[in-house]
Amino acid sequence: MTRITILEQKLVKLEEKRKQAIIARENLKEVRTGIISRMIHEYFEEVLEEGDVIGVASGRVTFQRLGYGYSYLKDLTELYFTAKHWRDETSNEIKTSFYSTSEDSEFELRRMILIGKVGQIVLDYKDDILVRYNQITLDKKEEMSEADKVVWAVGKDIEEVKDQIHRIEKENILAKVESEGIKFELTKGASVNKFPNMGVKSNLTVNNVKEIKVKNKTASGKSADIELKVINKLWNRETQSYDEKEDIKVVEKVRMNNIERFLQFNSTRISAS
């Protein structure tokens, strides 16, 4: 079993662990939202008409009603729990939000009635609602913080394993290009002109590179002589078509950074053979 296989198996387990950690965190959020929702209903249930819905999510309360002639719920008004400063752990204000209209349909007139009733309750009980909302949030803060830490920690482990896999793959590719050489595959359905192009020097690009092999490296290891097998298309007057021709091109003292960048950019096109 190769090192990459072992790490890939570890990665699968970590991905499943993160999935479960995210589910656990979302369950905690749902529990907290459910408690807030029950509290909100205690104050605002009386203003609802039959079929009205109160939605609670992420510090927002939305009142909705099936619009006359509509097949979906329309927003009537919204409440937002906000803090004076973004660093504050608790909310100190309930802000309202609703659209204005000149329409005087029965739906809009009844919406205005609900908005007025909601506004009156906020005016009368804002302080009590804020205290209860903040207490619910604080009661669940530690649990939510721990759940976030678990998700973050597993995510960090996943990135570390991915980095290890990437480093090993890079090592393997470099070892292969310095031993047997590397071949590239055409993109499915592509023509001969779709082999990768390599910028070997600042002023030199070699097109249609089918194979690359490092021949000799400098003592410092920062540069190398490379052998490239390139594909050229030559016009054949007799057949009135292009013939493919393989040529060998040797380029001396190519920066290893250029070689590594070329291999990395075209890693998905490296032939397994």
C-alpha atoms as a PDB file:
ATOM      1  CA  MET A   1       0.000   0.000   0.000  1.00  0.00           C
ATOM      2  CA  THR A   2       1.508   3.317  -1.086  1.00  0.00           C
ATOM      3  CA  ARG A   3       1.780   6.400   1.097  1.00  0.00           C
ATOM      4  CA  ILE A   4      -0.766   8.179  -1.068  1.00  0.00           C
ATOM      5  CA  THR A   5      -3.261   5.316  -0.728  1.00  0.00           C
ATOM      6  CA  ILE A   6      -2.923   5.410   3.059  1.00  0.00           C
ATOM      7  CA  LEU A   7      -3.410   9.178   3.095  1.00  0.00           C
ATOM      8  CA  GLU A   8      -6.396   8.969   0.730  1.00  0.00           C
ATOM      9  CA  GLN A   9      -8.051   6.446   3.037  1.00  0.00           C
ATOM     10  CA  LYS A  10      -7.375   8.775   5.958  1.00  0.00           C
ATOM     11  CA  LEU A  11      -8.866  11.635   3.955  1.00  0.00           C
ATOM     12  CA  VAL A  12     -12.094   9.695   3.361  1.00  0.00           C
ATOM     13  CA  LYS A  13     -12.460   9.084   7.105  1.00  0.00           C
ATOM     14  CA  LEU A  14     -11.766  12.728   7.898  1.00  0.00           C
ATOM     15  CA  GLU A  15     -14.306  13.916   5.318  1.00  0.00           C
ATOM     16  CA  GLU A  16     -16.927  11.688   6.934  1.00  0.00           C
ATOM     17  CA  LYS A  17     -15.920  12.997  10.371  1.00  0.00           C
ATOM     18  CA  ARG A  18     -16.321  16.582   9.163  1.00  0.00           C
ATOM     19  CA  LYS A  19     -19.691  15.736   7.626  1.00  0.00           C
ATOM     20  CA  GLN A  20     -20.911  14.368  10.954  1.00  0.00           C
ATOM     21  CA  ALA A  21     -19.464  17.371  12.829  1.00  0.00           C
ATOM     22  CA  ILE A  22     -21.318  19.756  10.505  1.00  0.00           C
ATOM     23  CA  ILE A  23     -24.545  17.811  10.992  1.00  0.00           C
ATOM     24  CA  ALA A  24     -24.091  17.993  14.770  1.00  0.00           C
ATOM     25  CA  ARG A  25     -23.503  21.758  14.553  1.00  0.00           C
ATOM     26  CA  GLU A  26     -26.574  22.256  12.345  1.00  0.00           C
ATOM     27  CA  ASN A  27     -28.662  20.235  14.799  1.00  0.00           C
ATOM     28  CA  LEU A  28     -27.583  22.574  17.582  1.00  0.00           C
ATOM     29  CA  LYS A  29     -28.554  25.553  15.433  1.00  0.00           C
ATOM     30  CA  GLU A  30     -31.961  24.012  14.790  1.00  0.00           C
ATOM     31  CA  VAL A  31     -32.495  23.448  18.499  1.00  0.00           C
ATOM     32  CA  ARG A  32     -31.572  27.057  19.261  1.00  0.00           C
ATOM     33  CA  THR A  33     -33.765  28.332  16.419  1.00  0.00           C
ATOM     34  CA  GLY A  34     -36.654  26.214  17.690  1.00  0.00           C
ATOM     35  CA  ILE A  35     -36.386  27.732  21.181  1.00  0.00           C
ATOM     36  CA  ILE A  36     -36.248  31.260  19.743  1.00  0.00           C
ATOM     37  CA  SER A  37     -39.194  30.477  17.472  1.00  0.00           C
ATOM     38  CA  ARG A  38     -41.345  29.309  20.397  1.00  0.00           C
ATOM     39  CA  MET A  39     -40.490  32.499  22.292  1.00  0.00           C
ATOM     40  CA  ILE A  40     -41.363  34.682  19.291  1.00  0.00           C
ATOM     41  CA  HIS A  41     -44.683  32.896  18.857  1.00  0.00           C
ATOM     42  CA  GLU A  42     -45.559  33.633  22.481  1.00  0.00           C
ATOM     43  CA  TYR A  43     -45.444  37.352  21.727  1.00  0.00           C
ATOM     44  CA  PHE A  44     -46.714  37.503  18.151  1.00  0.00           C
ATOM     45  CA  GLU A  45     -49.070  34.534  17.742  1.00  0.00           C
ATOM     46  CA  GLU A  46     -52.074  36.758  18.414  1.00  0.00           C
ATOM     47  CA  VAL A  47     -51.420  39.000  15.381  1.00  0.00           C
ATOM     48  CA  LEU A  48     -51.459  36.127  12.876  1.00  0.00           C
ATOM     49  CA  GLU A  49     -54.300  35.288  10.552  1.00  0.00           C
ATOM     50  CA  GLU A  50     -55.055  31.691   9.645  1.00  0.00           C
ATOM     51  CA  GLY A  51     -52.304  30.364   7.389  1.00  0.00           C
ATOM     52  CA  ASP A  52     -49.737  33.000   8.390  1.00  0.00           C
ATOM     53  CA  VAL A  53     -46.216  31.790   9.065  1.00  0.00           C
ATOM     54  CA  ILE A  54     -43.456  33.149  11.281  1.00  0.00           C
ATOM     55  CA  GLY A  55     -39.976  32.171  10.131  1.00  0.00           C
ATOM     56  CA  VAL A  56     -36.945  32.467  12.407  1.00  0.00           C
ATOM     57  CA  ALA A  57     -33.352  32.273  11.145  1.00  0.00           C
ATOM     58  CA  SER A  58     -29.994  33.967  11.833  1.00  0.00           C
ATOM     59  CA  GLY A  59     -31.248  36.842  13.961  1.00  0.00           C
ATOM     60  CA  ARG A  60     -34.202  37.521  11.681  1.00  0.00           C
ATOM     61  CA  VAL A  61     -37.935  37.026  12.128  1.00  0.00           C
ATOM     62  CA  THR A  62     -40.105  37.005   8.997  1.00  0.00           C
ATOM     63  CA  PHE A  63     -43.909  37.228   8.926  1.00  0.00           C
ATOM     64  CA  GLN A  64     -45.368  35.620   5.801  1.00  0.00           C
ATOM     65  CA  ARG A  65     -48.815  35.150   4.305  1.00  0.00           C
ATOM     66  CA  LEU A  66     -50.211  33.427   1.245  1.00  0.00           C
ATOM     67  CA  GLY A  67     -50.871  36.345  -1.086  1.00  0.00           C
ATOM     68  CA  TYR A  68     -54.233  36.670  -2.767  1.00  0.00           C
ATOM     69  CA  GLY A  69     -53.808  35.233  -6.241  1.00  0.00           C
ATOM     70  CA  TYR A  70     -50.312  33.926  -5.402  1.00  0.00           C
ATOM     71  CA  SER A  71     -49.238  30.321  -4.900  1.00  0.00           C
ATOM     72  CA  TYR A  72     -46.414  31.205  -2.516  1.00  0.00           C
ATOM     73  CA  LEU A  73     -45.944  32.928   0.819  1.00  0.00           C
ATOM     74  CA  LYS A  74     -45.211  36.647   0.598  1.00  0.00           C
ATOM     75  CA  ASP A  75     -43.168  38.536   3.162  1.00  0.00           C
ATOM     76  CA  LEU A  76     -45.244  40.952   5.204  1.00  0.00           C
ATOM     77  CA  THR A  77     -42.641  42.428   7.518  1.00  0.00           C
ATOM     78  CA  GLU A  78     -39.361  41.447   9.167  1.00  0.00           C
ATOM     79  CA  LEU A  79     -37.682  41.973  12.513  1.00  0.00           C
ATOM     80  CA  TYR A  80     -33.911  41.960  13.002  1.00  0.00           C
ATOM     81  CA  PHE A  81     -32.029  41.475  16.252  1.00  0.00           C
ATOM     82  CA  THR A  82     -28.967  43.710  15.989  1.00  0.00           C
ATOM     83  CA  ALA A  83     -26.017  44.748  18.144  1.00  0.00           C
ATOM     84  CA  LYS A  84     -24.585  48.234  18.465  1.00  0.00           C
ATOM     85  CA  HIS A  85     -21.075  46.961  17.762  1.00  0.00           C
ATOM     86  CA  TRP A  86     -20.076  43.858  15.796  1.00  0.00           C
ATOM     87  CA  ARG A  87     -18.008  42.663  18.761  1.00  0.00           C
ATOM     88  CA  ASP A  88     -21.017  42.639  21.089  1.00  0.00           C
ATOM     89  CA  GLU A  89     -22.186  39.198  22.142  1.00  0.00           C
ATOM     90  CA  THR A  90     -25.779  40.299  22.701  1.00  0.00           C
ATOM     91  CA  SER A  91     -28.342  42.248  20.717  1.00  0.00           C
ATOM     92  CA  ASN A  92     -29.600  45.613  21.977  1.00  0.00           C
ATOM     93  CA  GLU A  93     -32.062  46.553  19.261  1.00  0.00           C
ATOM     94  CA  ILE A  94     -34.957  45.101  17.288  1.00  0.00           C
ATOM     95  CA  LYS A  95     -35.131  46.717  13.877  1.00  0.00           C
ATOM     96  CA  THR A  96     -38.125  46.481  11.561  1.00  0.00           C
ATOM     97  CA  SER A  97     -38.184  46.149   7.805  1.00  0.00           C
ATOM     98  CA  PHE A  98     -41.102  46.217   5.376  1.00  0.00           C
ATOM     99  CA  TYR A  99     -41.756  47.411   1.844  1.00  0.00           C
ATOM    100  CA  SER A 100     -43.945  50.391   1.006  1.00  0.00           C
ATOM    101  CA  THR A 101     -46.577  50.420  -1.702  1.00  0.00           C
ATOM    102  CA  SER A 102     -49.356  52.616  -3.064  1.00  0.00           C
ATOM    103  CA  GLU A 103     -51.491  49.570  -3.758  1.00  0.00           C
ATOM    104  CA  ASP A 104     -54.720  49.486  -1.762  1.00  0.00           C
ATOM    105  CA  SER A 105     -55.764  45.879  -2.353  1.00  0.00           C
ATOM    106  CA  GLU A 106     -57.327  43.884   0.475  1.00  0.00           C
ATOM    107  CA  PHE A 107     -54.046  41.984   0.869  1.00  0.00           C
ATOM    108  CA  GLU A 108     -52.006  45.175   1.331  1.00  0.00           C
ATOM    109  CA  LEU A 109     -54.550  46.731   3.693  1.00  0.00           C
ATOM    110  CA  ARG A 110     -54.557  43.621   5.861  1.00  0.00           C
ATOM    111  CA  ARG A 111     -50.743  43.582   5.714  1.00  0.00           C
ATOM    112  CA  MET A 112     -50.766  47.123   7.090  1.00  0.00           C
ATOM    113  CA  ILE A 113     -52.926  45.960   9.994  1.00  0.00           C
ATOM    114  CA  LEU A 114     -50.445  43.187  10.824  1.00  0.00           C
ATOM    115  CA  ILE A 115     -47.488  45.582  10.571  1.00  0.00           C
ATOM    116  CA  GLY A 116     -49.199  47.913  13.024  1.00  0.00           C
ATOM    117  CA  LYS A 117     -49.884  45.116  15.491  1.00  0.00           C
ATOM    118  CA  VAL A 118     -46.303  43.818  15.236  1.00  0.00           C
ATOM    119  CA  GLY A 119     -45.001  47.335  15.791  1.00  0.00           C
ATOM    120  CA  GLN A 120     -47.168  47.771  18.883  1.00  0.00           C
ATOM    121  CA  ILE A 121     -45.889  44.535  20.415  1.00  0.00           C
ATOM    122  CA  VAL A 122     -42.278  45.508  19.716  1.00  0.00           C
ATOM    123  CA  LEU A 123     -42.958  48.908  21.290  1.00  0.00           C
ATOM    124  CA  ASP A 124     -44.512  47.369  24.402  1.00  0.00           C
ATOM    125  CA  TYR A 125     -42.289  44.327  24.921  1.00  0.00           C
ATOM    126  CA  LYS A 126     -38.997  45.076  23.174  1.00  0.00           C
ATOM    127  CA  ASP A 127     -36.914  44.952  26.340  1.00  0.00           C
ATOM    128  CA  ASP A 128     -38.432  41.654  27.469  1.00  0.00           C
ATOM    129  CA  ILE A 129     -38.008  40.077  24.034  1.00  0.00           C
ATOM    130  CA  LEU A 130     -34.379  41.179  23.853  1.00  0.00           C
ATOM    131  CA  VAL A 131     -33.595  39.764  27.295  1.00  0.00           C
ATOM    132  CA  ARG A 132     -35.089  36.393  26.422  1.00  0.00           C
ATOM    133  CA  TYR A 133     -33.497  36.311  22.963  1.00  0.00           C
ATOM    134  CA  ASN A 134     -30.054  37.121  24.372  1.00  0.00           C
ATOM    135  CA  GLN A 135     -30.415  34.557  27.142  1.00  0.00           C
ATOM    136  CA  ILE A 136     -31.233  31.804  24.643  1.00  0.00           C
ATOM    137  CA  THR A 137     -28.253  32.827  22.520  1.00  0.00           C
ATOM    138  CA  LEU A 138     -25.892  32.892  25.500  1.00  0.00           C
ATOM    139  CA  ASP A 139     -27.197  29.574  26.835  1.00  0.00           C
ATOM    140  CA  LYS A 140     -26.230  27.884  23.556  1.00  0.00           C
ATOM    141  CA  LYS A 141     -23.050  29.882  22.967  1.00  0.00           C
ATOM    142  CA  GLU A 142     -20.645  27.395  24.561  1.00  0.00           C
ATOM    143  CA  GLU A 143     -22.159  24.407  22.750  1.00  0.00           C
ATOM    144  CA  MET A 144     -22.059  26.247  19.436  1.00  0.00           C
ATOM    145  CA  SER A 145     -18.479  27.348  20.045  1.00  0.00           C
ATOM    146  CA  GLU A 146     -17.381  23.769  20.746  1.00  0.00           C
ATOM    147  CA  ALA A 147     -19.199  22.531  17.640  1.00  0.00           C
ATOM    148  CA  ASP A 148     -17.457  25.188  15.529  1.00  0.00           C
ATOM    149  CA  LYS A 149     -14.079  24.176  16.976  1.00  0.00           C
ATOM    150  CA  VAL A 150     -14.654  20.534  16.028  1.00  0.00           C
ATOM    151  CA  VAL A 151     -15.571  21.441  12.440  1.00  0.00           C
ATOM    152  CA  TRP A 152     -12.588  23.785  12.191  1.00  0.00           C
ATOM    153  CA  ALA A 153     -10.143  21.247  13.674  1.00  0.00           C
ATOM    154  CA  VAL A 154     -11.243  18.474  11.319  1.00  0.00           C
ATOM    155  CA  GLY A 155     -11.061  20.878   8.389  1.00  0.00           C
ATOM    156  CA  LYS A 156      -7.497  21.730   9.376  1.00  0.00           C
ATOM    157  CA  ASP A 157      -6.600  18.019   9.496  1.00  0.00           C
ATOM    158  CA  ILE A 158      -8.121  17.547   6.040  1.00  0.00           C
ATOM    159  CA  GLU A 159      -6.052  20.386   4.571  1.00  0.00           C
ATOM    160  CA  GLU A 160      -2.885  18.957   6.144  1.00  0.00           C
ATOM    161  CA  VAL A 161      -3.535  15.533   4.613  1.00  0.00           C
ATOM    162  CA  LYS A 162      -4.240  17.121   1.232  1.00  0.00           C
ATOM    163  CA  ASP A 163      -0.970  19.018   1.491  1.00  0.00           C
ATOM    164  CA  GLN A 164       0.867  15.779   2.268  1.00  0.00           C
ATOM    165  CA  ILE A 165      -0.704  14.076  -0.751  1.00  0.00           C
ATOM    166  CA  HIS A 166       0.203  17.045  -2.943  1.00  0.00           C
ATOM    167  CA  ARG A 167       3.821  16.978  -1.753  1.00  0.00           C
ATOM    168  CA  ILE A 168       4.151  13.229  -2.373  1.00  0.00           C
ATOM    169  CA  GLU A 169       2.577  13.538  -5.831  1.00  0.00           C
ATOM    170  CA  LYS A 170       5.015  16.331  -6.626  1.00  0.00           C
ATOM    171  CA  GLU A 171       7.939  14.205  -5.394  1.00  0.00           C
ATOM    172  CA  ASN A 172       6.754  11.254  -7.502  1.00  0.00           C
ATOM    173  CA  ILE A 173       6.381  13.364 -10.628  1.00  0.00           C
ATOM    174  CA  LEU A 174       9.821  14.923 -10.211  1.00  0.00           C
ATOM    175  CA  ALA A 175      11.354  11.515  -9.586  1.00  0.00           C
ATOM    176  CA  LYS A 176       9.690  10.169 -12.731  1.00  0.00           C
ATOM    177  CA  VAL A 177      10.709  13.086 -14.953  1.00  0.00           C
ATOM    178  CA  GLU A 178      14.322  12.611 -13.821  1.00  0.00           C
ATOM    179  CA  SER A 179      14.316   8.844 -14.394  1.00  0.00           C
ATOM    180  CA  GLU A 180      12.131   7.531 -17.201  1.00  0.00           C
ATOM    181  CA  GLY A 181      10.545  10.809 -18.291  1.00  0.00           C
ATOM    182  CA  ILE A 182       6.896  11.862 -18.503  1.00  0.00           C
ATOM    183  CA  LYS A 183       4.414  11.543 -21.343  1.00  0.00           C
ATOM    184  CA  PHE A 184       1.350  13.720 -21.837  1.00  0.00           C
ATOM    185  CA  GLU A 185      -2.046  12.715 -23.126  1.00  0.00           C
ATOM    186  CA  LEU A 186      -4.188  14.631 -25.562  1.00  0.00           C
ATOM    187  CA  THR A 187      -7.383  16.082 -24.228  1.00  0.00           C
ATOM    188  CA  LYS A 188     -10.243  13.854 -25.388  1.00  0.00           C
ATOM    189  CA  GLY A 189     -11.252  14.859 -28.905  1.00  0.00           C
ATOM    190  CA  ALA A 190      -8.373  17.334 -29.214  1.00  0.00           C
ATOM    191  CA  SER A 191      -6.053  17.712 -32.186  1.00  0.00           C
ATOM    192  CA  VAL A 192      -2.261  17.325 -32.174  1.00  0.00           C
ATOM    193  CA  ASN A 193      -1.997  21.052 -31.473  1.00  0.00           C
ATOM    194  CA  LYS A 194      -3.490  20.485 -28.042  1.00  0.00           C
ATOM    195  CA  PHE A 195      -0.376  19.019 -26.444  1.00  0.00           C
ATOM    196  CA  PRO A 196       0.867  21.430 -23.760  1.00  0.00           C
ATOM    197  CA  ASN A 197       3.214  24.301 -24.469  1.00  0.00           C
ATOM    198  CA  MET A 198       6.192  24.884 -22.182  1.00  0.00           C
ATOM    199  CA  GLY A 199       7.849  28.187 -21.418  1.00  0.00           C
ATOM    200  CA  VAL A 200      11.422  26.951 -21.017  1.00  0.00           C
ATOM    201  CA  LYS A 201      13.034  30.400 -20.976  1.00  0.00           C
ATOM    202  CA  SER A 202      11.778  33.927 -20.552  1.00  0.00           C
ATOM    203  CA  ASN A 203      12.079  34.368 -24.329  1.00  0.00           C
ATOM    204  CA  LEU A 204      11.486  30.778 -25.495  1.00  0.00           C
ATOM    205  CA  THR A 205       8.365  28.619 -25.589  1.00  0.00           C
ATOM    206  CA  VAL A 206       8.300  25.080 -26.957  1.00  0.00           C
ATOM    207  CA  ASN A 207       4.930  24.075 -28.385  1.00  0.00           C
ATOM    208  CA  ASN A 208       3.194  20.685 -28.479  1.00  0.00           C
ATOM    209  CA  VAL A 209       5.300  18.898 -25.874  1.00  0.00           C
ATOM    210  CA  LYS A 210       4.429  15.204 -25.879  1.00  0.00           C
ATOM    211  CA  GLU A 211       7.212  14.035 -23.548  1.00  0.00           C
ATOM    212  CA  ILE A 212       9.699  15.605 -21.159  1.00  0.00           C
ATOM    213  CA  LYS A 213      12.762  14.162 -19.452  1.00  0.00           C
ATOM    214  CA  VAL A 214      15.382  15.780 -17.239  1.00  0.00           C
ATOM    215  CA  LYS A 215      18.804  14.763 -18.513  1.00  0.00           C
ATOM    216  CA  ASN A 216      21.228  16.519 -16.166  1.00  0.00           C
ATOM    217  CA  LYS A 217      20.820  18.823 -13.186  1.00  0.00           C
ATOM    218  CA  THR A 218      23.274  21.485 -12.137  1.00  0.00           C
ATOM    219  CA  ALA A 219      25.215  21.080  -8.907  1.00  0.00           C
ATOM    220  CA  SER A 220      22.865  23.491  -7.152  1.00  0.00           C
ATOM    221  CA  GLY A 221      19.818  21.584  -8.407  1.00  0.00           C
ATOM    222  CA  LYS A 222      18.184  24.827  -9.498  1.00  0.00           C
ATOM    223  CA  SER A 223      18.526  24.210 -13.249  1.00  0.00           C
ATOM    224  CA  ALA A 224      18.588  21.220 -15.586  1.00  0.00           C
ATOM    225  CA  ASP A 225      19.097  20.179 -19.178  1.00  0.00           C
ATOM    226  CA  ILE A 226      15.885  18.715 -20.572  1.00  0.00           C
ATOM    227  CA  GLU A 227      14.925  16.605 -23.547  1.00  0.00           C
ATOM    228  CA  LEU A 228      11.541  17.315 -25.099  1.00  0.00           C
ATOM    229  CA  LYS A 229       9.686  15.238 -27.626  1.00  0.00           C
ATOM    230  CA  VAL A 230       7.518  17.621 -29.617  1.00  0.00           C
ATOM    231  CA  ILE A 231       4.890  17.051 -32.279  1.00  0.00           C
ATOM    232  CA  ASN A 232       4.967  19.193 -35.401  1.00  0.00           C
ATOM    233  CA  LYS A 233       2.456  19.306 -38.223  1.00  0.00           C
ATOM    234  CA  LEU A 234       3.922  19.533 -41.723  1.00  0.00           C
ATOM    235  CA  TRP A 235       1.884  20.249 -44.837  1.00  0.00           C
ATOM    236  CA  ASN A 236       2.008  17.411 -47.363  1.00  0.00           C
ATOM    237  CA  ARG A 237       1.432  18.717 -50.867  1.00  0.00           C
ATOM    238  CA  GLU A 238       0.804  15.278 -52.300  1.00  0.00           C
ATOM    239  CA  THR A 239      -1.923  14.329 -49.842  1.00  0.00           C
ATOM    240  CA  GLN A 240      -3.056  17.916 -49.303  1.00  0.00           C
ATOM    241  CA  SER A 241      -3.107  17.300 -45.572  1.00  0.00           C
ATOM    242  CA  TYR A 242      -0.900  17.657 -42.531  1.00  0.00           C
ATOM    243  CA  ASP A 243       1.514  14.942 -41.462  1.00  0.00           C
ATOM    244  CA  GLU A 244       2.577  14.580 -37.864  1.00  0.00           C
ATOM    245  CA  LYS A 245       6.265  14.487 -37.114  1.00  0.00           C
ATOM    246  CA  GLU A 246       8.008  13.843 -33.819  1.00  0.00           C
ATOM    247  CA  ASP A 247      11.151  15.839 -33.098  1.00  0.00           C
ATOM    248  CA  ILE A 248      13.543  15.768 -30.182  1.00  0.00           C
ATOM    249  CA  LYS A 249      14.538  19.128 -28.761  1.00  0.00           C
ATOM    250  CA  VAL A 250      17.189  19.542 -26.061  1.00  0.00           C
ATOM    251  CA  VAL A 251      17.181  22.716 -24.012  1.00  0.00           C
ATOM    252  CA  GLU A 252      20.004  23.441 -21.592  1.00  0.00           C
ATOM    253  CA  LYS A 253      19.871  25.092 -18.182  1.00  0.00           C
ATOM    254  CA  VAL A 254      16.135  25.342 -17.747  1.00  0.00           C
ATOM    255  CA  ARG A 255      15.105  26.584 -14.317  1.00  0.00           C
ATOM    256  CA  MET A 256      13.658  23.801 -12.179  1.00  0.00           C
ATOM    257  CA  ASN A 257      10.933  26.244 -11.163  1.00  0.00           C
ATOM    258  CA  ASN A 258       9.820  26.359 -14.795  1.00  0.00           C
ATOM    259  CA  ILE A 259       9.848  22.565 -15.033  1.00  0.00           C
ATOM    260  CA  GLU A 260       7.896  22.117 -11.788  1.00  0.00           C
ATOM    261  CA  ARG A 261       5.362  24.780 -12.792  1.00  0.00           C
ATOM    262  CA  PHE A 262       4.861  23.126 -16.185  1.00  0.00           C
ATOM    263  CA  LEU A 263       4.367  19.691 -14.627  1.00  0.00           C
ATOM    264  CA  GLN A 264       1.991  20.994 -11.980  1.00  0.00           C
ATOM    265  CA  PHE A 265      -0.133  22.938 -14.472  1.00  0.00           C
ATOM    266  CA  ASN A 266      -0.441  19.868 -16.719  1.00  0.00           C
ATOM    267  CA  SER A 267      -0.608  17.237 -13.956  1.00  0.00           C
ATOM    268  CA  THR A 268      -4.045  15.999 -15.036  1.00  0.00           C
ATOM    269  CA  ARG A 269      -2.675  15.243 -18.526  1.00  0.00           C
ATOM    270  CA  ILE A 270       0.263  13.108 -17.403  1.00  0.00           C
ATOM    271  CA  SER A 271       0.043   9.599 -18.872  1.00  0.00           C
ATOM    272  CA  ALA A 272       0.079   6.713 -16.427  1.00  0.00           C
ATOM    273  CA  SER A 273       2.142   4.604 -18.809  1.00  0.00           C
END
